[in-house]
Each structure stands twice: as structure tokens, then as C-alpha cells.
N, C-alpha and C. Protein backbone atom coordinates (compact mmCIF):
# COMPACT_ATOMS: atom_id res chain seq x y z
N MET A 1 26.25 17.98 1.23
CA MET A 1 25.27 16.90 1.10
C MET A 1 24.16 17.32 0.14
N THR A 2 23.72 16.38 -0.68
CA THR A 2 22.66 16.65 -1.63
C THR A 2 21.32 16.27 -1.02
N ALA A 3 20.35 17.19 -1.12
CA ALA A 3 19.02 16.92 -0.58
C ALA A 3 18.35 15.82 -1.38
N ASP A 4 17.53 15.03 -0.71
CA ASP A 4 16.78 13.99 -1.42
C ASP A 4 15.84 14.63 -2.43
N PRO A 5 15.67 14.02 -3.61
CA PRO A 5 14.73 14.57 -4.58
C PRO A 5 13.31 14.50 -4.04
N PRO A 6 12.44 15.42 -4.46
CA PRO A 6 11.06 15.39 -3.96
C PRO A 6 10.33 14.14 -4.43
N ILE A 7 9.35 13.72 -3.66
CA ILE A 7 8.52 12.57 -4.02
C ILE A 7 7.51 13.04 -5.06
N SER A 8 7.50 12.40 -6.21
CA SER A 8 6.60 12.81 -7.29
C SER A 8 5.27 12.07 -7.19
N LEU A 9 4.18 12.81 -7.46
CA LEU A 9 2.83 12.28 -7.26
C LEU A 9 1.97 12.38 -8.51
N LEU A 10 1.08 11.41 -8.63
CA LEU A 10 -0.02 11.48 -9.59
C LEU A 10 -1.30 11.39 -8.77
N ILE A 11 -2.19 12.36 -8.93
CA ILE A 11 -3.44 12.41 -8.17
C ILE A 11 -4.58 11.91 -9.05
N VAL A 12 -5.32 10.91 -8.56
CA VAL A 12 -6.42 10.33 -9.34
C VAL A 12 -7.71 10.45 -8.54
N ASP A 13 -8.63 11.28 -9.04
CA ASP A 13 -9.93 11.48 -8.38
C ASP A 13 -10.88 12.10 -9.39
N ASP A 14 -12.14 11.68 -9.34
CA ASP A 14 -13.09 12.21 -10.33
C ASP A 14 -13.65 13.59 -9.94
N HIS A 15 -13.37 14.07 -8.73
CA HIS A 15 -13.86 15.38 -8.31
C HIS A 15 -12.76 16.44 -8.48
N PRO A 16 -12.96 17.42 -9.35
CA PRO A 16 -11.94 18.46 -9.57
C PRO A 16 -11.57 19.21 -8.29
N VAL A 17 -12.55 19.44 -7.41
CA VAL A 17 -12.28 20.16 -6.16
C VAL A 17 -11.32 19.36 -5.29
N VAL A 18 -11.51 18.05 -5.24
CA VAL A 18 -10.61 17.20 -4.45
C VAL A 18 -9.20 17.22 -5.05
N ARG A 19 -9.13 17.11 -6.36
CA ARG A 19 -7.81 17.14 -7.01
C ARG A 19 -7.11 18.47 -6.75
N ASP A 20 -7.86 19.58 -6.87
CA ASP A 20 -7.27 20.90 -6.62
C ASP A 20 -6.77 21.01 -5.18
N GLY A 21 -7.58 20.48 -4.24
CA GLY A 21 -7.19 20.55 -2.83
C GLY A 21 -5.93 19.77 -2.55
N LEU A 22 -5.86 18.56 -3.10
CA LEU A 22 -4.68 17.72 -2.89
C LEU A 22 -3.44 18.32 -3.56
N ARG A 23 -3.63 18.84 -4.78
CA ARG A 23 -2.51 19.47 -5.48
C ARG A 23 -1.98 20.65 -4.66
N GLY A 24 -2.88 21.49 -4.17
CA GLY A 24 -2.46 22.65 -3.38
C GLY A 24 -1.74 22.23 -2.11
N MET A 25 -2.26 21.19 -1.47
CA MET A 25 -1.68 20.71 -0.22
C MET A 25 -0.25 20.22 -0.42
N PHE A 26 -0.06 19.40 -1.46
CA PHE A 26 1.27 18.82 -1.68
C PHE A 26 2.23 19.80 -2.33
N THR A 27 1.72 20.70 -3.16
CA THR A 27 2.59 21.69 -3.80
C THR A 27 3.16 22.65 -2.77
N SER A 28 2.36 22.95 -1.74
CA SER A 28 2.81 23.90 -0.72
C SER A 28 3.72 23.26 0.33
N ALA A 29 3.80 21.95 0.33
CA ALA A 29 4.62 21.25 1.34
C ALA A 29 5.98 20.89 0.73
N PRO A 30 7.05 21.06 1.51
CA PRO A 30 8.38 20.70 0.99
C PRO A 30 8.52 19.19 0.82
N GLY A 31 9.25 18.79 -0.20
CA GLY A 31 9.53 17.37 -0.39
C GLY A 31 8.58 16.64 -1.32
N PHE A 32 7.65 17.38 -1.93
CA PHE A 32 6.69 16.75 -2.84
C PHE A 32 6.59 17.54 -4.14
N THR A 33 6.28 16.85 -5.20
CA THR A 33 5.97 17.52 -6.46
C THR A 33 4.86 16.76 -7.16
N VAL A 34 3.85 17.47 -7.66
CA VAL A 34 2.71 16.84 -8.33
C VAL A 34 2.95 16.87 -9.83
N LEU A 35 3.06 15.70 -10.43
CA LEU A 35 3.34 15.60 -11.86
C LEU A 35 2.09 15.74 -12.71
N GLY A 36 0.94 15.31 -12.17
CA GLY A 36 -0.27 15.36 -12.98
C GLY A 36 -1.49 14.89 -12.22
N GLU A 37 -2.65 14.98 -12.89
CA GLU A 37 -3.92 14.57 -12.31
C GLU A 37 -4.69 13.74 -13.33
N ALA A 38 -5.51 12.83 -12.83
CA ALA A 38 -6.36 12.01 -13.71
C ALA A 38 -7.76 11.94 -13.11
N PRO A 39 -8.81 11.99 -13.95
CA PRO A 39 -10.18 11.96 -13.44
C PRO A 39 -10.75 10.55 -13.29
N ASP A 40 -10.03 9.54 -13.76
CA ASP A 40 -10.53 8.16 -13.66
C ASP A 40 -9.38 7.18 -13.81
N GLY A 41 -9.70 5.90 -13.63
CA GLY A 41 -8.68 4.87 -13.65
C GLY A 41 -8.00 4.68 -14.99
N VAL A 42 -8.76 4.81 -16.07
CA VAL A 42 -8.20 4.62 -17.41
C VAL A 42 -7.14 5.68 -17.68
N ALA A 43 -7.48 6.92 -17.38
CA ALA A 43 -6.52 8.02 -17.58
C ALA A 43 -5.32 7.85 -16.65
N ALA A 44 -5.57 7.32 -15.45
CA ALA A 44 -4.49 7.12 -14.48
C ALA A 44 -3.43 6.16 -15.01
N VAL A 45 -3.87 5.07 -15.62
CA VAL A 45 -2.94 4.08 -16.16
C VAL A 45 -2.08 4.71 -17.25
N ALA A 46 -2.70 5.49 -18.14
CA ALA A 46 -1.97 6.13 -19.23
C ALA A 46 -0.98 7.16 -18.69
N LEU A 47 -1.42 7.97 -17.72
CA LEU A 47 -0.54 9.00 -17.17
C LEU A 47 0.60 8.41 -16.34
N ALA A 48 0.30 7.34 -15.62
CA ALA A 48 1.35 6.69 -14.83
C ALA A 48 2.47 6.20 -15.75
N ARG A 49 2.09 5.68 -16.88
CA ARG A 49 3.09 5.18 -17.84
C ARG A 49 3.90 6.34 -18.42
N ALA A 50 3.22 7.48 -18.65
CA ALA A 50 3.90 8.62 -19.27
C ALA A 50 4.74 9.42 -18.27
N LEU A 51 4.26 9.56 -17.03
CA LEU A 51 4.90 10.45 -16.07
C LEU A 51 5.83 9.73 -15.10
N ASP A 52 5.63 8.43 -14.88
CA ASP A 52 6.45 7.62 -13.98
C ASP A 52 6.57 8.25 -12.58
N PRO A 53 5.44 8.44 -11.87
CA PRO A 53 5.50 9.03 -10.53
C PRO A 53 6.02 8.04 -9.51
N ASP A 54 6.43 8.56 -8.34
CA ASP A 54 6.83 7.70 -7.24
C ASP A 54 5.61 7.10 -6.55
N VAL A 55 4.58 7.93 -6.36
CA VAL A 55 3.38 7.51 -5.65
C VAL A 55 2.13 7.96 -6.42
N ILE A 56 1.14 7.08 -6.48
CA ILE A 56 -0.15 7.43 -7.07
C ILE A 56 -1.19 7.47 -5.96
N LEU A 57 -1.84 8.60 -5.79
CA LEU A 57 -2.97 8.72 -4.85
C LEU A 57 -4.22 8.35 -5.63
N MET A 58 -4.83 7.22 -5.28
CA MET A 58 -5.90 6.64 -6.09
C MET A 58 -7.25 6.61 -5.37
N ASP A 59 -8.23 7.29 -5.95
CA ASP A 59 -9.61 7.13 -5.48
C ASP A 59 -10.12 5.80 -6.02
N LEU A 60 -11.25 5.31 -5.49
CA LEU A 60 -11.75 4.00 -5.93
C LEU A 60 -12.94 4.07 -6.87
N ARG A 61 -13.99 4.74 -6.43
CA ARG A 61 -15.22 4.76 -7.22
C ARG A 61 -15.25 5.99 -8.12
N MET A 62 -15.00 5.75 -9.41
CA MET A 62 -14.95 6.85 -10.38
C MET A 62 -15.65 6.46 -11.67
N PRO A 63 -16.56 7.29 -12.18
CA PRO A 63 -17.17 7.01 -13.49
C PRO A 63 -16.09 7.00 -14.57
N GLY A 64 -16.20 6.08 -15.48
CA GLY A 64 -15.24 6.04 -16.58
C GLY A 64 -14.05 5.14 -16.31
N GLY A 65 -13.96 4.57 -15.11
CA GLY A 65 -12.85 3.66 -14.81
C GLY A 65 -12.52 3.69 -13.34
N GLY A 66 -12.83 2.62 -12.62
CA GLY A 66 -12.64 2.56 -11.18
C GLY A 66 -11.19 2.35 -10.77
N GLY A 67 -10.92 2.63 -9.50
CA GLY A 67 -9.57 2.54 -8.99
C GLY A 67 -9.02 1.14 -8.92
N VAL A 68 -9.86 0.17 -8.53
CA VAL A 68 -9.37 -1.21 -8.38
C VAL A 68 -8.89 -1.76 -9.71
N ASP A 69 -9.66 -1.53 -10.77
CA ASP A 69 -9.24 -2.00 -12.09
C ASP A 69 -7.93 -1.34 -12.51
N ALA A 70 -7.79 -0.06 -12.17
CA ALA A 70 -6.55 0.65 -12.51
C ALA A 70 -5.37 0.09 -11.74
N ILE A 71 -5.57 -0.18 -10.45
CA ILE A 71 -4.50 -0.75 -9.62
C ILE A 71 -4.08 -2.10 -10.18
N ARG A 72 -5.07 -2.90 -10.54
CA ARG A 72 -4.79 -4.24 -11.08
C ARG A 72 -3.98 -4.14 -12.37
N GLU A 73 -4.34 -3.20 -13.24
CA GLU A 73 -3.64 -3.05 -14.51
C GLU A 73 -2.23 -2.49 -14.30
N LEU A 74 -2.09 -1.55 -13.40
CA LEU A 74 -0.76 -1.00 -13.11
C LEU A 74 0.15 -2.07 -12.53
N THR A 75 -0.41 -2.91 -11.67
CA THR A 75 0.36 -4.01 -11.09
C THR A 75 0.78 -5.00 -12.18
N ARG A 76 -0.16 -5.28 -13.08
CA ARG A 76 0.13 -6.21 -14.18
C ARG A 76 1.26 -5.68 -15.06
N GLN A 77 1.27 -4.38 -15.26
CA GLN A 77 2.30 -3.76 -16.09
C GLN A 77 3.63 -3.61 -15.37
N GLY A 78 3.63 -3.88 -14.07
CA GLY A 78 4.87 -3.77 -13.31
C GLY A 78 5.31 -2.34 -13.08
N THR A 79 4.34 -1.45 -12.91
CA THR A 79 4.68 -0.04 -12.70
C THR A 79 5.55 0.14 -11.46
N ARG A 80 6.45 1.11 -11.53
CA ARG A 80 7.36 1.39 -10.42
C ARG A 80 6.63 2.10 -9.28
N ALA A 81 5.59 2.83 -9.60
CA ALA A 81 4.88 3.66 -8.62
C ALA A 81 4.24 2.83 -7.52
N ARG A 82 4.27 3.36 -6.30
CA ARG A 82 3.51 2.79 -5.19
C ARG A 82 2.12 3.41 -5.24
N ILE A 83 1.11 2.60 -4.99
CA ILE A 83 -0.27 3.09 -5.10
C ILE A 83 -0.89 3.18 -3.72
N LEU A 84 -1.27 4.40 -3.36
CA LEU A 84 -1.88 4.66 -2.06
C LEU A 84 -3.34 5.04 -2.28
N VAL A 85 -4.24 4.17 -1.86
CA VAL A 85 -5.67 4.45 -2.02
C VAL A 85 -6.07 5.55 -1.05
N LEU A 86 -6.79 6.55 -1.55
CA LEU A 86 -7.31 7.64 -0.73
C LEU A 86 -8.78 7.81 -1.09
N THR A 87 -9.65 7.34 -0.20
CA THR A 87 -11.06 7.28 -0.54
C THR A 87 -11.93 7.54 0.69
N THR A 88 -13.23 7.66 0.45
CA THR A 88 -14.16 7.84 1.58
C THR A 88 -14.75 6.51 2.01
N TYR A 89 -14.44 5.43 1.27
CA TYR A 89 -15.07 4.14 1.52
C TYR A 89 -14.14 3.18 2.25
N ASP A 90 -14.64 2.56 3.32
CA ASP A 90 -13.82 1.59 4.06
C ASP A 90 -14.54 0.27 4.25
N THR A 91 -15.49 -0.03 3.35
CA THR A 91 -16.20 -1.30 3.45
C THR A 91 -15.32 -2.44 2.96
N ASP A 92 -15.66 -3.67 3.38
CA ASP A 92 -14.89 -4.83 2.95
C ASP A 92 -14.86 -4.95 1.42
N SER A 93 -15.97 -4.60 0.78
CA SER A 93 -16.06 -4.74 -0.67
C SER A 93 -15.14 -3.76 -1.40
N ASP A 94 -14.70 -2.71 -0.71
CA ASP A 94 -13.75 -1.76 -1.30
C ASP A 94 -12.32 -2.07 -0.87
N THR A 95 -12.15 -2.32 0.42
CA THR A 95 -10.81 -2.49 0.99
C THR A 95 -10.08 -3.69 0.41
N LEU A 96 -10.70 -4.86 0.52
CA LEU A 96 -10.02 -6.10 0.11
C LEU A 96 -9.60 -6.12 -1.36
N PRO A 97 -10.51 -5.80 -2.29
CA PRO A 97 -10.10 -5.83 -3.70
C PRO A 97 -8.94 -4.89 -4.01
N ALA A 98 -8.92 -3.72 -3.36
CA ALA A 98 -7.84 -2.76 -3.62
C ALA A 98 -6.50 -3.30 -3.15
N ILE A 99 -6.47 -3.88 -1.94
CA ILE A 99 -5.22 -4.45 -1.41
C ILE A 99 -4.79 -5.65 -2.24
N GLU A 100 -5.75 -6.50 -2.56
CA GLU A 100 -5.43 -7.69 -3.35
C GLU A 100 -4.95 -7.33 -4.75
N ALA A 101 -5.43 -6.20 -5.29
CA ALA A 101 -5.03 -5.78 -6.63
C ALA A 101 -3.60 -5.27 -6.66
N GLY A 102 -3.07 -4.86 -5.48
CA GLY A 102 -1.68 -4.42 -5.44
C GLY A 102 -1.43 -3.08 -4.79
N ALA A 103 -2.44 -2.48 -4.13
CA ALA A 103 -2.23 -1.20 -3.47
C ALA A 103 -1.23 -1.33 -2.33
N THR A 104 -0.35 -0.35 -2.19
CA THR A 104 0.62 -0.34 -1.11
C THR A 104 -0.04 0.05 0.21
N GLY A 105 -1.07 0.89 0.14
CA GLY A 105 -1.73 1.34 1.35
C GLY A 105 -3.14 1.81 1.10
N TYR A 106 -3.83 2.12 2.18
CA TYR A 106 -5.24 2.47 2.08
C TYR A 106 -5.56 3.47 3.19
N LEU A 107 -5.89 4.70 2.81
CA LEU A 107 -6.25 5.74 3.76
C LEU A 107 -7.62 6.31 3.42
N LEU A 108 -8.26 6.87 4.44
CA LEU A 108 -9.54 7.54 4.23
C LEU A 108 -9.32 9.03 4.05
N LYS A 109 -10.22 9.69 3.34
CA LYS A 109 -10.04 11.10 3.01
C LYS A 109 -10.14 12.03 4.22
N ASP A 110 -10.62 11.50 5.34
CA ASP A 110 -10.66 12.35 6.53
C ASP A 110 -9.35 12.31 7.32
N ALA A 111 -8.32 11.69 6.75
CA ALA A 111 -7.02 11.62 7.42
C ALA A 111 -6.45 13.03 7.55
N PRO A 112 -5.86 13.35 8.71
CA PRO A 112 -5.22 14.67 8.88
C PRO A 112 -4.12 14.90 7.87
N ARG A 113 -3.86 16.15 7.59
CA ARG A 113 -2.85 16.55 6.60
C ARG A 113 -1.50 15.89 6.85
N GLU A 114 -0.99 15.99 8.09
CA GLU A 114 0.32 15.44 8.39
C GLU A 114 0.34 13.91 8.26
N GLU A 115 -0.78 13.27 8.60
CA GLU A 115 -0.86 11.81 8.45
C GLU A 115 -0.77 11.42 6.99
N LEU A 116 -1.38 12.23 6.13
CA LEU A 116 -1.32 11.96 4.70
C LEU A 116 0.10 12.13 4.17
N PHE A 117 0.78 13.19 4.60
CA PHE A 117 2.17 13.40 4.19
C PHE A 117 3.04 12.22 4.63
N THR A 118 2.87 11.80 5.87
CA THR A 118 3.65 10.69 6.41
C THR A 118 3.37 9.41 5.63
N ALA A 119 2.09 9.19 5.29
CA ALA A 119 1.70 7.99 4.54
C ALA A 119 2.33 7.97 3.16
N VAL A 120 2.36 9.12 2.50
CA VAL A 120 2.95 9.18 1.16
C VAL A 120 4.45 8.91 1.24
N ARG A 121 5.11 9.47 2.24
CA ARG A 121 6.55 9.20 2.40
C ARG A 121 6.80 7.71 2.64
N ALA A 122 5.96 7.11 3.49
CA ALA A 122 6.12 5.69 3.78
C ALA A 122 5.86 4.85 2.54
N ALA A 123 4.80 5.19 1.80
CA ALA A 123 4.48 4.45 0.58
C ALA A 123 5.61 4.54 -0.43
N ALA A 124 6.21 5.74 -0.54
CA ALA A 124 7.32 5.92 -1.48
C ALA A 124 8.50 5.01 -1.14
N GLN A 125 8.63 4.69 0.14
CA GLN A 125 9.69 3.79 0.59
C GLN A 125 9.28 2.32 0.51
N GLY A 126 8.04 2.07 0.04
CA GLY A 126 7.57 0.70 -0.11
C GLY A 126 6.95 0.10 1.12
N ARG A 127 6.69 0.93 2.14
CA ARG A 127 6.10 0.41 3.36
C ARG A 127 4.58 0.38 3.24
N THR A 128 3.97 -0.62 3.87
CA THR A 128 2.52 -0.75 3.85
C THR A 128 1.90 0.29 4.78
N VAL A 129 0.89 1.00 4.29
CA VAL A 129 0.23 2.06 5.06
C VAL A 129 -1.27 1.76 5.11
N LEU A 130 -1.79 1.56 6.31
CA LEU A 130 -3.22 1.29 6.47
C LEU A 130 -3.76 2.13 7.61
N SER A 131 -4.89 2.82 7.37
CA SER A 131 -5.53 3.55 8.46
C SER A 131 -6.01 2.53 9.48
N PRO A 132 -6.09 2.89 10.76
CA PRO A 132 -6.49 1.93 11.79
C PRO A 132 -7.82 1.23 11.49
N ALA A 133 -8.80 1.98 11.02
CA ALA A 133 -10.11 1.39 10.73
C ALA A 133 -10.00 0.36 9.61
N VAL A 134 -9.22 0.69 8.59
CA VAL A 134 -9.05 -0.22 7.46
C VAL A 134 -8.25 -1.45 7.87
N ALA A 135 -7.20 -1.26 8.69
CA ALA A 135 -6.39 -2.38 9.15
C ALA A 135 -7.25 -3.38 9.92
N SER A 136 -8.12 -2.87 10.76
CA SER A 136 -8.99 -3.74 11.55
C SER A 136 -9.92 -4.54 10.65
N ARG A 137 -10.52 -3.86 9.67
CA ARG A 137 -11.41 -4.56 8.73
C ARG A 137 -10.66 -5.60 7.92
N LEU A 138 -9.48 -5.23 7.48
CA LEU A 138 -8.69 -6.13 6.63
C LEU A 138 -8.29 -7.38 7.38
N VAL A 139 -7.86 -7.20 8.60
CA VAL A 139 -7.45 -8.34 9.42
C VAL A 139 -8.62 -9.29 9.61
N THR A 140 -9.78 -8.75 9.92
CA THR A 140 -10.96 -9.58 10.14
C THR A 140 -11.39 -10.30 8.87
N ALA A 141 -11.33 -9.60 7.77
CA ALA A 141 -11.85 -10.13 6.51
C ALA A 141 -10.97 -11.20 5.88
N VAL A 142 -9.64 -11.05 6.03
CA VAL A 142 -8.76 -11.98 5.30
C VAL A 142 -8.38 -13.21 6.09
N ARG A 143 -8.77 -13.28 7.36
CA ARG A 143 -8.45 -14.47 8.14
C ARG A 143 -9.10 -15.70 7.51
N THR A 144 -8.38 -16.78 7.45
CA THR A 144 -8.92 -18.01 6.90
C THR A 144 -9.96 -18.57 7.87
N PRO A 145 -11.20 -18.78 7.41
CA PRO A 145 -12.22 -19.30 8.32
C PRO A 145 -11.78 -20.62 8.95
N GLY A 146 -11.90 -20.71 10.26
CA GLY A 146 -11.59 -21.94 10.96
C GLY A 146 -10.13 -22.11 11.33
N ALA A 147 -9.25 -21.23 10.78
CA ALA A 147 -7.84 -21.35 11.11
C ALA A 147 -7.57 -20.70 12.45
N PRO A 148 -6.78 -21.31 13.30
CA PRO A 148 -6.54 -20.73 14.60
C PRO A 148 -5.82 -19.40 14.54
N GLY A 149 -4.82 -19.29 13.66
CA GLY A 149 -4.13 -18.02 13.49
C GLY A 149 -3.43 -17.53 14.74
N ASN A 150 -3.16 -18.40 15.70
CA ASN A 150 -2.54 -17.99 16.95
C ASN A 150 -1.22 -18.68 17.24
N GLU A 151 -0.73 -19.51 16.32
CA GLU A 151 0.52 -20.22 16.54
C GLU A 151 1.67 -19.21 16.52
N PRO A 152 2.57 -19.26 17.50
CA PRO A 152 3.65 -18.27 17.55
C PRO A 152 4.60 -18.39 16.37
N LEU A 153 5.16 -17.25 15.95
CA LEU A 153 6.11 -17.25 14.86
C LEU A 153 7.50 -17.62 15.38
N SER A 154 8.26 -18.26 14.51
CA SER A 154 9.65 -18.57 14.87
C SER A 154 10.47 -17.29 14.79
N ALA A 155 11.68 -17.33 15.33
CA ALA A 155 12.56 -16.16 15.31
C ALA A 155 12.85 -15.74 13.87
N ARG A 156 13.08 -16.71 13.00
CA ARG A 156 13.37 -16.40 11.60
C ARG A 156 12.15 -15.80 10.90
N GLU A 157 10.97 -16.33 11.20
CA GLU A 157 9.74 -15.80 10.60
C GLU A 157 9.51 -14.36 11.05
N ARG A 158 9.86 -14.06 12.29
CA ARG A 158 9.73 -12.68 12.78
C ARG A 158 10.71 -11.76 12.04
N GLU A 159 11.91 -12.26 11.78
CA GLU A 159 12.88 -11.45 11.04
C GLU A 159 12.38 -11.16 9.63
N VAL A 160 11.83 -12.18 8.98
CA VAL A 160 11.29 -12.00 7.63
C VAL A 160 10.13 -11.00 7.66
N LEU A 161 9.24 -11.15 8.63
CA LEU A 161 8.08 -10.28 8.73
C LEU A 161 8.49 -8.83 8.98
N ALA A 162 9.49 -8.62 9.83
CA ALA A 162 9.96 -7.26 10.12
C ALA A 162 10.50 -6.59 8.85
N LEU A 163 11.20 -7.35 8.02
CA LEU A 163 11.72 -6.81 6.78
C LEU A 163 10.60 -6.55 5.78
N VAL A 164 9.62 -7.43 5.73
CA VAL A 164 8.46 -7.24 4.86
C VAL A 164 7.72 -5.96 5.24
N ALA A 165 7.61 -5.70 6.53
CA ALA A 165 6.92 -4.50 7.02
C ALA A 165 7.61 -3.22 6.56
N LYS A 166 8.93 -3.33 6.25
CA LYS A 166 9.68 -2.17 5.76
C LYS A 166 9.59 -2.04 4.23
N GLY A 167 8.83 -2.95 3.62
CA GLY A 167 8.69 -2.91 2.17
C GLY A 167 9.80 -3.60 1.42
N THR A 168 10.54 -4.47 2.11
CA THR A 168 11.67 -5.17 1.50
C THR A 168 11.18 -6.29 0.59
N SER A 169 11.75 -6.39 -0.59
CA SER A 169 11.36 -7.44 -1.53
C SER A 169 11.91 -8.79 -1.08
N ASN A 170 11.39 -9.87 -1.65
CA ASN A 170 11.87 -11.21 -1.31
C ASN A 170 13.37 -11.35 -1.59
N ARG A 171 13.80 -10.79 -2.71
CA ARG A 171 15.22 -10.87 -3.06
C ARG A 171 16.08 -10.15 -2.03
N GLU A 172 15.60 -8.97 -1.61
CA GLU A 172 16.36 -8.20 -0.62
C GLU A 172 16.36 -8.88 0.75
N VAL A 173 15.21 -9.51 1.10
CA VAL A 173 15.15 -10.26 2.36
C VAL A 173 16.16 -11.39 2.33
N ALA A 174 16.21 -12.11 1.21
CA ALA A 174 17.14 -13.22 1.07
C ALA A 174 18.58 -12.75 1.24
N ARG A 175 18.90 -11.60 0.63
CA ARG A 175 20.26 -11.07 0.72
C ARG A 175 20.58 -10.64 2.16
N GLU A 176 19.60 -10.00 2.81
CA GLU A 176 19.79 -9.51 4.17
C GLU A 176 20.02 -10.64 5.17
N LEU A 177 19.27 -11.74 4.98
CA LEU A 177 19.32 -12.84 5.95
C LEU A 177 20.22 -13.99 5.49
N PHE A 178 20.84 -13.83 4.33
CA PHE A 178 21.76 -14.84 3.79
C PHE A 178 21.05 -16.19 3.60
N ILE A 179 19.86 -16.12 3.01
CA ILE A 179 19.11 -17.33 2.67
C ILE A 179 18.63 -17.20 1.23
N SER A 180 18.08 -18.26 0.68
CA SER A 180 17.62 -18.22 -0.70
C SER A 180 16.22 -17.59 -0.78
N GLU A 181 15.86 -17.12 -1.99
CA GLU A 181 14.51 -16.57 -2.19
C GLU A 181 13.45 -17.64 -1.95
N ALA A 182 13.76 -18.88 -2.31
CA ALA A 182 12.81 -19.97 -2.09
C ALA A 182 12.54 -20.15 -0.60
N THR A 183 13.59 -20.02 0.19
CA THR A 183 13.42 -20.14 1.65
C THR A 183 12.59 -18.99 2.19
N VAL A 184 12.79 -17.79 1.65
CA VAL A 184 11.98 -16.62 2.06
C VAL A 184 10.50 -16.90 1.78
N LYS A 185 10.22 -17.42 0.59
CA LYS A 185 8.83 -17.72 0.23
C LYS A 185 8.23 -18.78 1.16
N THR A 186 9.05 -19.74 1.55
CA THR A 186 8.57 -20.78 2.49
C THR A 186 8.24 -20.16 3.84
N HIS A 187 9.12 -19.29 4.32
CA HIS A 187 8.85 -18.61 5.60
C HIS A 187 7.56 -17.79 5.51
N LEU A 188 7.38 -17.10 4.39
CA LEU A 188 6.17 -16.28 4.21
C LEU A 188 4.92 -17.15 4.24
N THR A 189 4.99 -18.27 3.54
CA THR A 189 3.84 -19.19 3.52
C THR A 189 3.50 -19.66 4.93
N HIS A 190 4.51 -20.00 5.70
CA HIS A 190 4.29 -20.48 7.06
C HIS A 190 3.72 -19.38 7.96
N LEU A 191 4.27 -18.16 7.85
CA LEU A 191 3.76 -17.11 8.75
C LEU A 191 2.37 -16.64 8.32
N TYR A 192 2.05 -16.71 7.01
CA TYR A 192 0.68 -16.41 6.58
C TYR A 192 -0.29 -17.38 7.26
N THR A 193 0.08 -18.66 7.26
CA THR A 193 -0.78 -19.68 7.87
C THR A 193 -0.93 -19.43 9.36
N LYS A 194 0.17 -19.12 10.02
CA LYS A 194 0.12 -18.90 11.47
C LYS A 194 -0.68 -17.66 11.85
N LEU A 195 -0.61 -16.64 10.99
CA LEU A 195 -1.35 -15.40 11.28
C LEU A 195 -2.78 -15.45 10.77
N GLY A 196 -3.09 -16.46 9.93
CA GLY A 196 -4.43 -16.58 9.38
C GLY A 196 -4.73 -15.55 8.33
N VAL A 197 -3.72 -15.23 7.48
CA VAL A 197 -3.89 -14.23 6.43
C VAL A 197 -3.46 -14.80 5.08
N ASN A 198 -3.65 -13.98 4.03
CA ASN A 198 -3.36 -14.46 2.68
C ASN A 198 -2.30 -13.67 1.93
N ASP A 199 -1.88 -12.51 2.46
CA ASP A 199 -0.93 -11.71 1.71
C ASP A 199 -0.06 -10.87 2.65
N ARG A 200 0.90 -10.15 2.05
CA ARG A 200 1.89 -9.38 2.82
C ARG A 200 1.25 -8.25 3.63
N ALA A 201 0.35 -7.49 2.97
CA ALA A 201 -0.27 -6.35 3.65
C ALA A 201 -1.07 -6.81 4.87
N ALA A 202 -1.82 -7.88 4.70
CA ALA A 202 -2.62 -8.40 5.81
C ALA A 202 -1.73 -8.95 6.92
N ALA A 203 -0.61 -9.56 6.54
CA ALA A 203 0.33 -10.09 7.54
C ALA A 203 0.89 -8.95 8.39
N VAL A 204 1.26 -7.86 7.74
CA VAL A 204 1.80 -6.71 8.46
C VAL A 204 0.74 -6.10 9.37
N ALA A 205 -0.48 -5.94 8.84
CA ALA A 205 -1.56 -5.36 9.65
C ALA A 205 -1.86 -6.21 10.88
N THR A 206 -1.93 -7.53 10.67
CA THR A 206 -2.21 -8.44 11.78
C THR A 206 -1.09 -8.41 12.81
N ALA A 207 0.16 -8.37 12.32
CA ALA A 207 1.30 -8.38 13.23
C ALA A 207 1.33 -7.11 14.09
N TYR A 208 0.98 -5.98 13.50
CA TYR A 208 0.93 -4.75 14.29
C TYR A 208 -0.20 -4.81 15.30
N GLN A 209 -1.35 -5.34 14.86
CA GLN A 209 -2.51 -5.41 15.77
C GLN A 209 -2.21 -6.29 16.97
N ARG A 210 -1.46 -7.37 16.76
CA ARG A 210 -1.15 -8.30 17.85
C ARG A 210 0.10 -7.90 18.64
N GLY A 211 0.77 -6.85 18.20
CA GLY A 211 1.95 -6.42 18.92
C GLY A 211 3.21 -7.16 18.53
N ILE A 212 3.14 -8.00 17.50
CA ILE A 212 4.31 -8.75 17.07
C ILE A 212 5.39 -7.82 16.52
N LEU A 213 4.94 -6.76 15.84
CA LEU A 213 5.87 -5.80 15.28
C LEU A 213 5.95 -4.53 16.12
N GLY A 214 5.36 -4.53 17.31
CA GLY A 214 5.43 -3.36 18.17
C GLY A 214 4.25 -2.43 17.91
């Protein structure tokens, strides 16, 4: 049997000490390889294009180019890399823009070592990763004002949501459930309304918080 290739990383942070610490942590752990480092968002976009990492660990507030703008640009370019925000900030003004820009997950820098490793593995597989504090903020912030958000999901909507939680694309969901992509989008629209959210990450976070996904 052939071992799985290591997960390749790009580390983006304006503090050299933080970059050195993260590089040392991941280099010493099996299953990871660090391809490069960037001190700001502008450099991150250029390096991501050149190095093609599996996962980008992205800080948010950086002189010379912030993380949210970089995430937005990487998403626009259709980069293959999953972007995992790793920052000290968990305010609504930081969390929401990063998720809306296209981040796969959002962790705080005080996360334990093993939790960070697990998060990177999950992100590499396309799964949404949110620290509990961030998930709670996100759920509260993205709910549509005045929407009940308590209508139960249908069996099919639960199936779609479970696949979305695994990072499955609309096309893959359609293939798995033997339905069209248009039907998948319709189910997503309906479950967003029922959960009182606006996007996939928020739907997953809300579903976990309510016990819909366990």
C-alpha cells in the first residue's frame, strides 16, 4: 500500500516568530510539508499561485495586505487550496468577511497543537472547520433578522446538508443522490431559509449547534 502524500502548506502571517513556530510545528509532525511562507496577503496570493499548496494558513490583519482581501482574490482565481484562517481575532467584523470571502475554516491561535493538525487535515478534505467560539458568533451573526429559522428540514435536505458538511461539491452531491445540480441548489436554498443562514459554512455550523448533524 502506498502512503498518502503529505498535506502541503503555505503559512501566511506578518510575524516571523509565528511563522517560524508554525513551520517548526508542522515540519516535525508526520503527514505535513511546508512549501513556503508569506508576510502578507499580496505575497500569499502570488505564492499560492506558484506553489499550489493543499492548505493555506491565513492570518487576517497584516500590514501590506490583509487576509480577507487575499482570500477573496484567491477565491476569485479559483485556487485549489483550502484556506484556513488562523488568527487572534474572533469579532464579527473579522469572522463574517473571512467566511463570506471563501475561507474553509476559522481557528484562533490559542487552539491546541493537535486541534490545529486535525483542522488542517479536515480543511484539506474540504470540510468546514470552525472553532466553537467562532461557530457561535457566526450562527448568531448570519441569521436573517426576523426569520424563524426553526422549520424542520426534510429528509432529503438533511441528506444534502450531511454531504455539504463533508465538503462535497454540488456536482458530487447530485451524483451521490441521483438528482440534478439544479435540484441540489434548490434544496440548499430551502435549508438556508429554514436554518436562517446565508451560506454553506453557516448552515453547517448551525446544524451542528442544533444537533441536526450530531
